[in-house]
N, C-alpha and C. Protein backbone atom coordinates (compact mmCIF):
# COMPACT_ATOMS: atom_id res chain seq x y z
N MET A 1 73.66 105.74 128.27
CA MET A 1 74.97 105.53 127.72
C MET A 1 74.86 105.37 126.21
N ALA A 2 75.82 105.93 125.51
CA ALA A 2 75.83 105.87 124.05
C ALA A 2 76.21 104.48 123.58
N ASP A 3 75.59 104.05 122.50
CA ASP A 3 75.98 102.79 121.87
C ASP A 3 77.04 103.10 120.82
N LEU A 4 78.19 102.48 120.97
CA LEU A 4 79.28 102.68 120.02
C LEU A 4 79.20 101.65 118.90
N ILE A 5 79.52 102.10 117.72
CA ILE A 5 79.50 101.21 116.56
C ILE A 5 80.91 101.16 115.99
N ALA A 6 81.47 99.97 115.94
CA ALA A 6 82.81 99.81 115.37
C ALA A 6 82.71 99.92 113.85
N LYS A 7 83.59 100.74 113.28
CA LYS A 7 83.63 100.81 111.83
C LYS A 7 85.05 101.12 111.39
N SER A 8 85.35 100.75 110.18
CA SER A 8 86.68 100.94 109.62
C SER A 8 86.95 102.42 109.39
N ALA A 9 88.19 102.81 109.56
CA ALA A 9 88.59 104.19 109.25
C ALA A 9 88.49 104.44 107.75
N LEU A 10 88.38 103.39 106.97
CA LEU A 10 88.28 103.53 105.51
C LEU A 10 86.84 103.49 105.01
N GLU A 11 85.88 103.35 105.93
CA GLU A 11 84.48 103.27 105.53
C GLU A 11 84.07 104.51 104.74
N GLY A 12 83.51 104.26 103.57
CA GLY A 12 83.05 105.34 102.71
C GLY A 12 84.16 105.99 101.88
N LEU A 13 85.40 105.57 102.09
CA LEU A 13 86.52 106.16 101.35
C LEU A 13 86.99 105.28 100.20
N VAL A 14 86.88 103.98 100.35
CA VAL A 14 87.32 103.05 99.32
C VAL A 14 86.19 102.08 99.04
N PRO A 15 86.14 101.50 97.87
CA PRO A 15 87.16 101.53 96.83
C PRO A 15 87.13 102.82 96.01
N VAL A 16 88.29 103.12 95.43
CA VAL A 16 88.44 104.24 94.50
C VAL A 16 88.96 103.64 93.20
N THR A 17 88.30 103.99 92.10
CA THR A 17 88.70 103.47 90.79
C THR A 17 88.92 104.62 89.83
N HIS A 18 90.05 104.60 89.16
CA HIS A 18 90.35 105.53 88.07
C HIS A 18 90.95 104.69 86.96
N GLY A 19 90.26 104.62 85.83
CA GLY A 19 90.71 103.76 84.75
C GLY A 19 90.77 102.33 85.25
N ALA A 20 91.89 101.67 85.01
CA ALA A 20 92.06 100.28 85.46
C ALA A 20 92.69 100.19 86.85
N LEU A 21 92.97 101.33 87.46
CA LEU A 21 93.57 101.36 88.80
C LEU A 21 92.48 101.27 89.86
N VAL A 22 92.72 100.45 90.89
CA VAL A 22 91.76 100.29 91.97
C VAL A 22 92.49 100.39 93.30
N LEU A 23 92.00 101.27 94.16
CA LEU A 23 92.49 101.40 95.52
C LEU A 23 91.43 100.79 96.44
N SER A 24 91.83 99.78 97.23
CA SER A 24 90.86 99.08 98.06
C SER A 24 91.39 98.88 99.48
N ASP A 25 90.50 98.44 100.34
CA ASP A 25 90.83 98.18 101.74
C ASP A 25 91.60 96.87 101.84
N ALA A 26 92.76 96.92 102.48
CA ALA A 26 93.57 95.72 102.71
C ALA A 26 94.02 95.70 104.17
N THR A 27 93.17 96.19 105.05
CA THR A 27 93.53 96.28 106.46
C THR A 27 93.65 94.87 107.05
N PRO A 28 94.80 94.57 107.64
CA PRO A 28 94.96 93.25 108.26
C PRO A 28 94.00 93.07 109.43
N ALA A 29 93.59 91.84 109.67
CA ALA A 29 92.69 91.55 110.79
C ALA A 29 93.42 91.75 112.12
N ALA A 30 94.73 91.54 112.12
CA ALA A 30 95.52 91.72 113.33
C ALA A 30 96.90 92.25 112.96
N VAL A 31 97.40 93.18 113.78
CA VAL A 31 98.74 93.73 113.61
C VAL A 31 99.41 93.68 114.98
N THR A 32 100.51 92.94 115.07
CA THR A 32 101.23 92.83 116.34
C THR A 32 102.68 93.21 116.12
N SER A 33 103.16 94.14 116.92
CA SER A 33 104.57 94.50 116.91
C SER A 33 105.34 93.40 117.65
N VAL A 34 106.43 92.95 117.03
CA VAL A 34 107.26 91.87 117.60
C VAL A 34 108.69 92.39 117.73
N ALA A 35 109.20 92.41 118.96
CA ALA A 35 110.58 92.81 119.21
C ALA A 35 111.22 91.73 120.08
N PRO A 36 111.99 90.83 119.45
CA PRO A 36 112.60 89.74 120.23
C PRO A 36 113.44 90.27 121.40
N PHE A 37 113.30 89.61 122.54
CA PHE A 37 114.12 89.96 123.70
C PHE A 37 115.58 89.63 123.37
N ARG A 38 116.49 90.29 124.06
CA ARG A 38 117.92 90.08 123.84
C ARG A 38 118.26 88.59 123.92
N GLY A 39 118.92 88.11 122.89
CA GLY A 39 119.35 86.71 122.84
C GLY A 39 118.25 85.74 122.46
N LYS A 40 117.06 86.23 122.12
CA LYS A 40 115.93 85.33 121.81
C LYS A 40 115.57 85.30 120.33
N GLY A 41 116.39 85.89 119.48
CA GLY A 41 116.09 85.91 118.05
C GLY A 41 115.91 84.53 117.46
N ARG A 42 116.82 83.61 117.81
CA ARG A 42 116.72 82.24 117.29
C ARG A 42 115.46 81.56 117.81
N ALA A 43 115.12 81.76 119.08
CA ALA A 43 113.92 81.15 119.66
C ALA A 43 112.66 81.71 118.99
N VAL A 44 112.66 83.01 118.67
CA VAL A 44 111.52 83.61 117.97
C VAL A 44 111.40 82.99 116.58
N ALA A 45 112.52 82.83 115.89
CA ALA A 45 112.50 82.22 114.56
C ALA A 45 111.95 80.80 114.63
N GLU A 46 112.35 80.04 115.66
CA GLU A 46 111.85 78.67 115.83
C GLU A 46 110.35 78.66 116.14
N ALA A 47 109.89 79.64 116.90
CA ALA A 47 108.45 79.72 117.23
C ALA A 47 107.62 80.11 116.02
N LEU A 48 108.22 80.86 115.10
CA LEU A 48 107.51 81.26 113.88
C LEU A 48 107.44 80.13 112.85
N ALA A 49 108.38 79.20 112.91
CA ALA A 49 108.49 78.14 111.90
C ALA A 49 107.20 77.34 111.69
N PRO A 50 106.47 76.94 112.76
CA PRO A 50 105.22 76.20 112.53
C PRO A 50 104.17 77.01 111.77
N MET A 51 104.32 78.35 111.78
CA MET A 51 103.40 79.20 111.03
C MET A 51 103.87 79.38 109.59
N GLY A 52 104.99 78.76 109.25
CA GLY A 52 105.56 78.92 107.91
C GLY A 52 106.25 80.25 107.74
N LEU A 53 106.68 80.86 108.85
CA LEU A 53 107.31 82.18 108.83
C LEU A 53 108.70 82.13 109.44
N THR A 54 109.47 83.16 109.19
CA THR A 54 110.75 83.37 109.83
C THR A 54 110.93 84.87 110.01
N LEU A 55 111.84 85.27 110.87
CA LEU A 55 112.09 86.70 111.02
C LEU A 55 112.61 87.24 109.70
N PRO A 56 112.00 88.29 109.17
CA PRO A 56 112.41 88.79 107.86
C PRO A 56 113.72 89.58 107.91
N ALA A 57 114.43 89.54 106.82
CA ALA A 57 115.62 90.37 106.64
C ALA A 57 115.17 91.81 106.44
N PRO A 58 116.07 92.77 106.59
CA PRO A 58 115.69 94.17 106.35
C PRO A 58 115.03 94.36 104.99
N ASN A 59 113.96 95.13 105.00
CA ASN A 59 113.19 95.47 103.80
C ASN A 59 112.58 94.25 103.11
N ARG A 60 112.23 93.26 103.92
CA ARG A 60 111.61 92.05 103.39
C ARG A 60 110.35 91.71 104.19
N MET A 61 109.54 90.87 103.60
CA MET A 61 108.31 90.37 104.21
C MET A 61 108.28 88.87 103.96
N GLU A 62 107.90 88.11 104.96
CA GLU A 62 107.74 86.66 104.81
C GLU A 62 106.25 86.35 104.88
N THR A 63 105.79 85.48 104.00
CA THR A 63 104.38 85.11 103.96
C THR A 63 104.25 83.61 104.21
N GLY A 64 103.36 83.25 105.11
CA GLY A 64 103.09 81.85 105.41
C GLY A 64 101.63 81.54 105.16
N PRO A 65 101.23 80.33 105.44
CA PRO A 65 99.82 79.96 105.21
C PRO A 65 98.85 80.69 106.15
N VAL A 66 99.34 81.18 107.28
CA VAL A 66 98.45 81.80 108.26
C VAL A 66 98.56 83.32 108.25
N GLY A 67 99.70 83.88 107.97
CA GLY A 67 99.86 85.32 108.03
C GLY A 67 101.16 85.78 107.39
N ARG A 68 101.55 87.00 107.73
CA ARG A 68 102.79 87.58 107.21
C ARG A 68 103.55 88.24 108.34
N ILE A 69 104.85 88.38 108.15
CA ILE A 69 105.66 89.13 109.09
C ILE A 69 106.55 90.05 108.27
N VAL A 70 106.55 91.33 108.65
CA VAL A 70 107.20 92.38 107.87
C VAL A 70 108.31 93.03 108.69
N TRP A 71 109.49 93.19 108.11
CA TRP A 71 110.57 93.91 108.78
C TRP A 71 110.08 95.33 109.05
N PHE A 72 110.34 95.81 110.28
CA PHE A 72 109.85 97.12 110.67
C PHE A 72 110.96 98.01 111.21
N GLY A 73 112.15 97.48 111.26
CA GLY A 73 113.31 98.20 111.75
C GLY A 73 114.24 97.22 112.43
N PRO A 74 115.42 97.67 112.83
CA PRO A 74 116.35 96.77 113.51
C PRO A 74 115.72 96.17 114.76
N GLY A 75 115.65 94.85 114.80
CA GLY A 75 115.08 94.17 115.96
C GLY A 75 113.58 94.29 116.10
N GLN A 76 112.88 94.66 115.03
CA GLN A 76 111.43 94.82 115.09
C GLN A 76 110.78 94.26 113.83
N ALA A 77 109.58 93.74 114.00
CA ALA A 77 108.79 93.27 112.88
C ALA A 77 107.31 93.47 113.21
N LEU A 78 106.49 93.47 112.18
CA LEU A 78 105.03 93.50 112.35
C LEU A 78 104.49 92.15 111.90
N LEU A 79 103.78 91.49 112.78
CA LEU A 79 103.11 90.23 112.46
C LEU A 79 101.69 90.58 112.04
N LEU A 80 101.33 90.17 110.83
CA LEU A 80 100.03 90.53 110.27
C LEU A 80 99.16 89.28 110.10
N ASP A 81 97.91 89.40 110.51
CA ASP A 81 96.90 88.36 110.31
C ASP A 81 97.25 87.02 110.95
N ALA A 82 98.02 87.03 112.03
CA ALA A 82 98.36 85.79 112.72
C ALA A 82 98.38 86.05 114.23
N ALA A 83 98.02 85.04 114.99
CA ALA A 83 98.03 85.14 116.45
C ALA A 83 99.48 85.05 116.94
N PRO A 84 99.89 85.94 117.84
CA PRO A 84 101.27 85.95 118.30
C PRO A 84 101.55 85.00 119.46
N GLY A 85 100.57 84.20 119.87
CA GLY A 85 100.70 83.34 121.04
C GLY A 85 102.01 82.59 121.16
N PRO A 86 102.49 81.94 120.11
CA PRO A 86 103.74 81.18 120.23
C PRO A 86 104.96 82.04 120.58
N LEU A 87 104.85 83.36 120.45
CA LEU A 87 105.99 84.24 120.70
C LEU A 87 106.01 84.78 122.13
N ALA A 88 104.96 84.48 122.90
CA ALA A 88 104.87 84.98 124.27
C ALA A 88 106.08 84.54 125.07
N GLY A 89 106.68 85.49 125.78
CA GLY A 89 107.85 85.22 126.59
C GLY A 89 109.16 85.28 125.82
N LEU A 90 109.08 85.34 124.50
CA LEU A 90 110.28 85.39 123.67
C LEU A 90 110.52 86.77 123.08
N ALA A 91 109.45 87.56 123.03
CA ALA A 91 109.53 88.88 122.40
C ALA A 91 108.55 89.83 123.07
N ALA A 92 108.84 91.10 122.98
CA ALA A 92 107.87 92.11 123.40
C ALA A 92 106.81 92.16 122.32
N LEU A 93 105.57 91.92 122.71
CA LEU A 93 104.45 91.87 121.76
C LEU A 93 103.48 92.99 122.09
N THR A 94 103.13 93.77 121.08
CA THR A 94 102.18 94.86 121.27
C THR A 94 101.11 94.78 120.20
N ASP A 95 99.85 94.64 120.61
CA ASP A 95 98.74 94.61 119.66
C ASP A 95 98.53 96.03 119.13
N GLN A 96 98.73 96.19 117.84
CA GLN A 96 98.56 97.49 117.20
C GLN A 96 97.44 97.47 116.16
N SER A 97 96.58 96.49 116.26
CA SER A 97 95.53 96.29 115.25
C SER A 97 94.66 97.52 115.02
N ASP A 98 94.32 98.23 116.09
CA ASP A 98 93.45 99.39 115.94
C ASP A 98 94.19 100.64 115.49
N GLY A 99 95.50 100.56 115.36
CA GLY A 99 96.28 101.74 115.01
C GLY A 99 96.63 101.86 113.54
N TRP A 100 96.37 100.84 112.76
CA TRP A 100 96.78 100.82 111.35
C TRP A 100 95.61 100.52 110.43
N VAL A 101 95.69 101.03 109.21
CA VAL A 101 94.80 100.62 108.12
C VAL A 101 95.68 100.20 106.96
N GLY A 102 95.14 99.35 106.13
CA GLY A 102 95.88 98.87 104.96
C GLY A 102 95.13 99.22 103.69
N LEU A 103 95.89 99.62 102.70
CA LEU A 103 95.35 99.93 101.37
C LEU A 103 96.06 99.07 100.34
N ARG A 104 95.35 98.67 99.31
CA ARG A 104 95.96 97.93 98.20
C ARG A 104 95.69 98.72 96.93
N LEU A 105 96.77 99.04 96.21
CA LEU A 105 96.64 99.68 94.91
C LEU A 105 97.02 98.66 93.86
N ALA A 106 96.13 98.43 92.91
CA ALA A 106 96.37 97.42 91.88
C ALA A 106 95.94 97.96 90.53
N GLY A 107 96.58 97.43 89.51
CA GLY A 107 96.25 97.79 88.14
C GLY A 107 97.45 98.37 87.43
N PRO A 108 97.36 98.46 86.11
CA PRO A 108 98.47 99.02 85.35
C PRO A 108 98.70 100.48 85.73
N GLY A 109 99.93 100.82 86.04
CA GLY A 109 100.26 102.17 86.44
C GLY A 109 100.43 102.32 87.94
N THR A 110 100.30 101.22 88.68
CA THR A 110 100.44 101.27 90.14
C THR A 110 101.75 101.93 90.56
N GLU A 111 102.85 101.49 89.97
CA GLU A 111 104.16 102.03 90.35
C GLU A 111 104.28 103.50 89.98
N GLU A 112 103.70 103.90 88.85
CA GLU A 112 103.74 105.31 88.44
C GLU A 112 102.96 106.19 89.42
N VAL A 113 101.83 105.70 89.88
CA VAL A 113 101.04 106.44 90.86
C VAL A 113 101.85 106.66 92.13
N LEU A 114 102.40 105.58 92.65
CA LEU A 114 103.12 105.67 93.92
C LEU A 114 104.46 106.38 93.79
N ALA A 115 105.01 106.46 92.58
CA ALA A 115 106.26 107.20 92.38
C ALA A 115 106.08 108.67 92.72
N ARG A 116 104.85 109.15 92.66
CA ARG A 116 104.56 110.55 93.02
C ARG A 116 104.54 110.76 94.53
N LEU A 117 104.47 109.68 95.29
CA LEU A 117 104.29 109.79 96.74
C LEU A 117 105.36 109.10 97.57
N VAL A 118 105.97 108.06 97.03
CA VAL A 118 106.92 107.23 97.77
C VAL A 118 108.31 107.38 97.13
N PRO A 119 109.32 107.80 97.90
CA PRO A 119 110.64 108.07 97.32
C PRO A 119 111.55 106.85 97.17
N ILE A 120 110.97 105.69 96.84
CA ILE A 120 111.79 104.52 96.55
C ILE A 120 111.31 103.92 95.23
N ASP A 121 112.18 103.17 94.60
CA ASP A 121 111.87 102.54 93.32
C ASP A 121 110.97 101.33 93.58
N LEU A 122 109.71 101.43 93.18
CA LEU A 122 108.75 100.36 93.42
C LEU A 122 108.53 99.48 92.19
N ARG A 123 109.31 99.71 91.14
CA ARG A 123 109.16 98.85 89.95
C ARG A 123 109.57 97.42 90.31
N PRO A 124 108.90 96.42 89.72
CA PRO A 124 109.14 95.02 90.09
C PRO A 124 110.61 94.58 90.10
N PRO A 125 111.46 95.02 89.18
CA PRO A 125 112.86 94.55 89.29
C PRO A 125 113.55 94.99 90.59
N ALA A 126 113.19 96.14 91.11
CA ALA A 126 113.82 96.66 92.33
C ALA A 126 113.01 96.31 93.58
N PHE A 127 111.71 96.16 93.44
CA PHE A 127 110.81 95.95 94.58
C PHE A 127 109.88 94.80 94.22
N GLY A 128 110.45 93.61 94.17
CA GLY A 128 109.71 92.44 93.72
C GLY A 128 109.00 91.71 94.85
N PRO A 129 108.59 90.47 94.60
CA PRO A 129 107.87 89.68 95.60
C PRO A 129 108.65 89.60 96.92
N GLY A 130 107.95 89.82 98.00
CA GLY A 130 108.56 89.76 99.32
C GLY A 130 109.22 91.05 99.77
N ALA A 131 109.22 92.06 98.92
CA ALA A 131 109.83 93.34 99.29
C ALA A 131 108.89 94.13 100.19
N ALA A 132 109.48 94.80 101.17
CA ALA A 132 108.72 95.66 102.09
C ALA A 132 109.66 96.74 102.58
N ALA A 133 109.12 97.93 102.81
CA ALA A 133 109.97 99.02 103.30
C ALA A 133 109.13 100.02 104.09
N ARG A 134 109.73 100.56 105.13
CA ARG A 134 109.15 101.72 105.79
C ARG A 134 109.56 102.90 104.94
N ALA A 135 108.60 103.69 104.56
CA ALA A 135 108.90 104.80 103.66
C ALA A 135 107.84 105.88 103.80
N PRO A 136 108.22 107.12 103.49
CA PRO A 136 107.21 108.17 103.48
C PRO A 136 106.20 107.93 102.36
N LEU A 137 104.97 108.28 102.61
CA LEU A 137 103.91 108.31 101.61
C LEU A 137 103.42 109.74 101.64
N GLY A 138 103.95 110.56 100.74
CA GLY A 138 103.70 111.99 100.83
C GLY A 138 104.34 112.49 102.11
N HIS A 139 103.55 113.08 102.98
CA HIS A 139 104.07 113.59 104.25
C HIS A 139 103.81 112.64 105.42
N MET A 140 103.31 111.44 105.12
CA MET A 140 102.98 110.46 106.15
C MET A 140 104.04 109.37 106.18
N THR A 141 104.06 108.62 107.27
CA THR A 141 104.92 107.45 107.35
C THR A 141 104.09 106.23 107.04
N GLY A 142 104.66 105.30 106.29
CA GLY A 142 103.92 104.10 105.95
C GLY A 142 104.84 102.90 105.83
N VAL A 143 104.22 101.76 105.61
CA VAL A 143 104.93 100.52 105.32
C VAL A 143 104.41 100.08 103.95
N VAL A 144 105.31 99.93 103.00
CA VAL A 144 104.95 99.59 101.63
C VAL A 144 105.39 98.15 101.38
N MET A 145 104.48 97.33 100.84
CA MET A 145 104.77 95.92 100.62
C MET A 145 104.31 95.49 99.23
N ARG A 146 105.12 94.68 98.57
CA ARG A 146 104.72 94.12 97.27
C ARG A 146 103.73 92.99 97.52
N ALA A 147 102.56 93.08 96.95
CA ALA A 147 101.54 92.03 97.04
C ALA A 147 101.47 91.33 95.68
N ASP A 148 100.84 90.17 95.67
CA ASP A 148 100.71 89.42 94.41
C ASP A 148 100.00 90.25 93.34
N ASP A 149 99.03 91.03 93.77
CA ASP A 149 98.20 91.75 92.81
C ASP A 149 98.34 93.26 92.92
N GLY A 150 99.50 93.75 93.34
CA GLY A 150 99.70 95.19 93.43
C GLY A 150 100.63 95.53 94.57
N ILE A 151 100.38 96.66 95.19
CA ILE A 151 101.20 97.12 96.31
C ILE A 151 100.27 97.44 97.46
N GLU A 152 100.64 96.95 98.64
CA GLU A 152 99.88 97.25 99.85
C GLU A 152 100.63 98.29 100.66
N ILE A 153 99.88 99.13 101.33
CA ILE A 153 100.45 100.20 102.13
C ILE A 153 99.75 100.21 103.48
N LEU A 154 100.52 100.19 104.55
CA LEU A 154 99.97 100.38 105.89
C LEU A 154 100.27 101.81 106.31
N VAL A 155 99.26 102.49 106.82
CA VAL A 155 99.44 103.84 107.38
C VAL A 155 98.70 103.89 108.71
N PHE A 156 99.07 104.86 109.53
CA PHE A 156 98.37 105.03 110.79
C PHE A 156 96.89 105.30 110.51
N ARG A 157 96.05 104.73 111.34
CA ARG A 157 94.60 104.89 111.20
C ARG A 157 94.20 106.37 111.10
N SER A 158 94.87 107.22 111.86
CA SER A 158 94.54 108.64 111.85
C SER A 158 94.85 109.31 110.52
N MET A 159 95.61 108.64 109.67
CA MET A 159 96.00 109.19 108.37
C MET A 159 95.21 108.57 107.21
N ALA A 160 94.22 107.76 107.52
CA ALA A 160 93.48 107.03 106.48
C ALA A 160 92.88 107.96 105.43
N ARG A 161 92.16 108.97 105.85
CA ARG A 161 91.50 109.87 104.90
C ARG A 161 92.54 110.59 104.03
N THR A 162 93.61 111.06 104.65
CA THR A 162 94.65 111.76 103.90
C THR A 162 95.33 110.83 102.91
N ALA A 163 95.64 109.60 103.34
CA ALA A 163 96.29 108.65 102.44
C ALA A 163 95.43 108.35 101.23
N VAL A 164 94.14 108.10 101.46
CA VAL A 164 93.24 107.82 100.33
C VAL A 164 93.18 109.03 99.41
N HIS A 165 93.08 110.22 99.96
CA HIS A 165 93.02 111.43 99.14
C HIS A 165 94.29 111.58 98.29
N GLU A 166 95.45 111.43 98.91
CA GLU A 166 96.72 111.59 98.20
C GLU A 166 96.87 110.56 97.08
N ILE A 167 96.57 109.30 97.39
CA ILE A 167 96.70 108.25 96.38
C ILE A 167 95.67 108.44 95.28
N ALA A 168 94.44 108.78 95.63
CA ALA A 168 93.39 109.00 94.61
C ALA A 168 93.75 110.16 93.70
N THR A 169 94.34 111.20 94.24
CA THR A 169 94.77 112.34 93.42
C THR A 169 95.84 111.89 92.43
N ALA A 170 96.82 111.13 92.90
CA ALA A 170 97.87 110.62 92.00
C ALA A 170 97.29 109.67 90.97
N MET A 171 96.31 108.85 91.35
CA MET A 171 95.64 107.95 90.39
C MET A 171 94.98 108.77 89.29
N ARG A 172 94.27 109.82 89.67
CA ARG A 172 93.58 110.68 88.71
C ARG A 172 94.58 111.30 87.74
N GLN A 173 95.72 111.76 88.27
CA GLN A 173 96.74 112.39 87.42
C GLN A 173 97.32 111.42 86.42
N ILE A 174 97.62 110.21 86.87
CA ILE A 174 98.19 109.20 85.98
C ILE A 174 97.19 108.78 84.90
N THR A 175 95.93 108.55 85.28
CA THR A 175 94.95 108.12 84.29
C THR A 175 94.59 109.26 83.33
N ALA A 176 94.72 110.51 83.78
CA ALA A 176 94.45 111.63 82.88
C ALA A 176 95.49 111.71 81.77
N ARG A 177 96.72 111.33 82.07
CA ARG A 177 97.78 111.32 81.05
C ARG A 177 97.50 110.30 79.97
N GLU A 178 96.83 109.20 80.37
CA GLU A 178 96.57 108.11 79.42
C GLU A 178 95.38 108.42 78.52
N GLY A 179 94.47 109.25 79.00
CA GLY A 179 93.21 109.51 78.29
C GLY A 179 93.35 110.52 77.27
């Protein structure tokens, strides 16, 4: 029988650096889809409270001491880096940890790089702390979130290589203009 070795879909692809821009791995340790059962929204919010979280408003992300929860659509959220145990019986929970990778783009020019790939205004006045959106990243679907030190992007694991390539190409183009 073959011995399988677990490895990240981003192994050997990141970090990527162009000028002061850095693309790095920001894959959450756990990703759980949360869809509150009918009439259980308030109970889900109460169960999240001890984690310092609440159900996020559309296009928002809530951050607590243990993890984050990101709006993912009407009646849906993604719980990142936190155990969903307190939500059992209150929401449909699906472990999606192996299906997503996370990237963090940081440095001056981050918004200009992503403006080539994401059709929303990611400048801080429009997309500030706590902002999150499902949006295309080139031809892929992703979740874009404002992080303290840049912008984080979740994409399907199967799109990891393409996402890194597309972002690295845009990074190269932006830094070439500066040089």
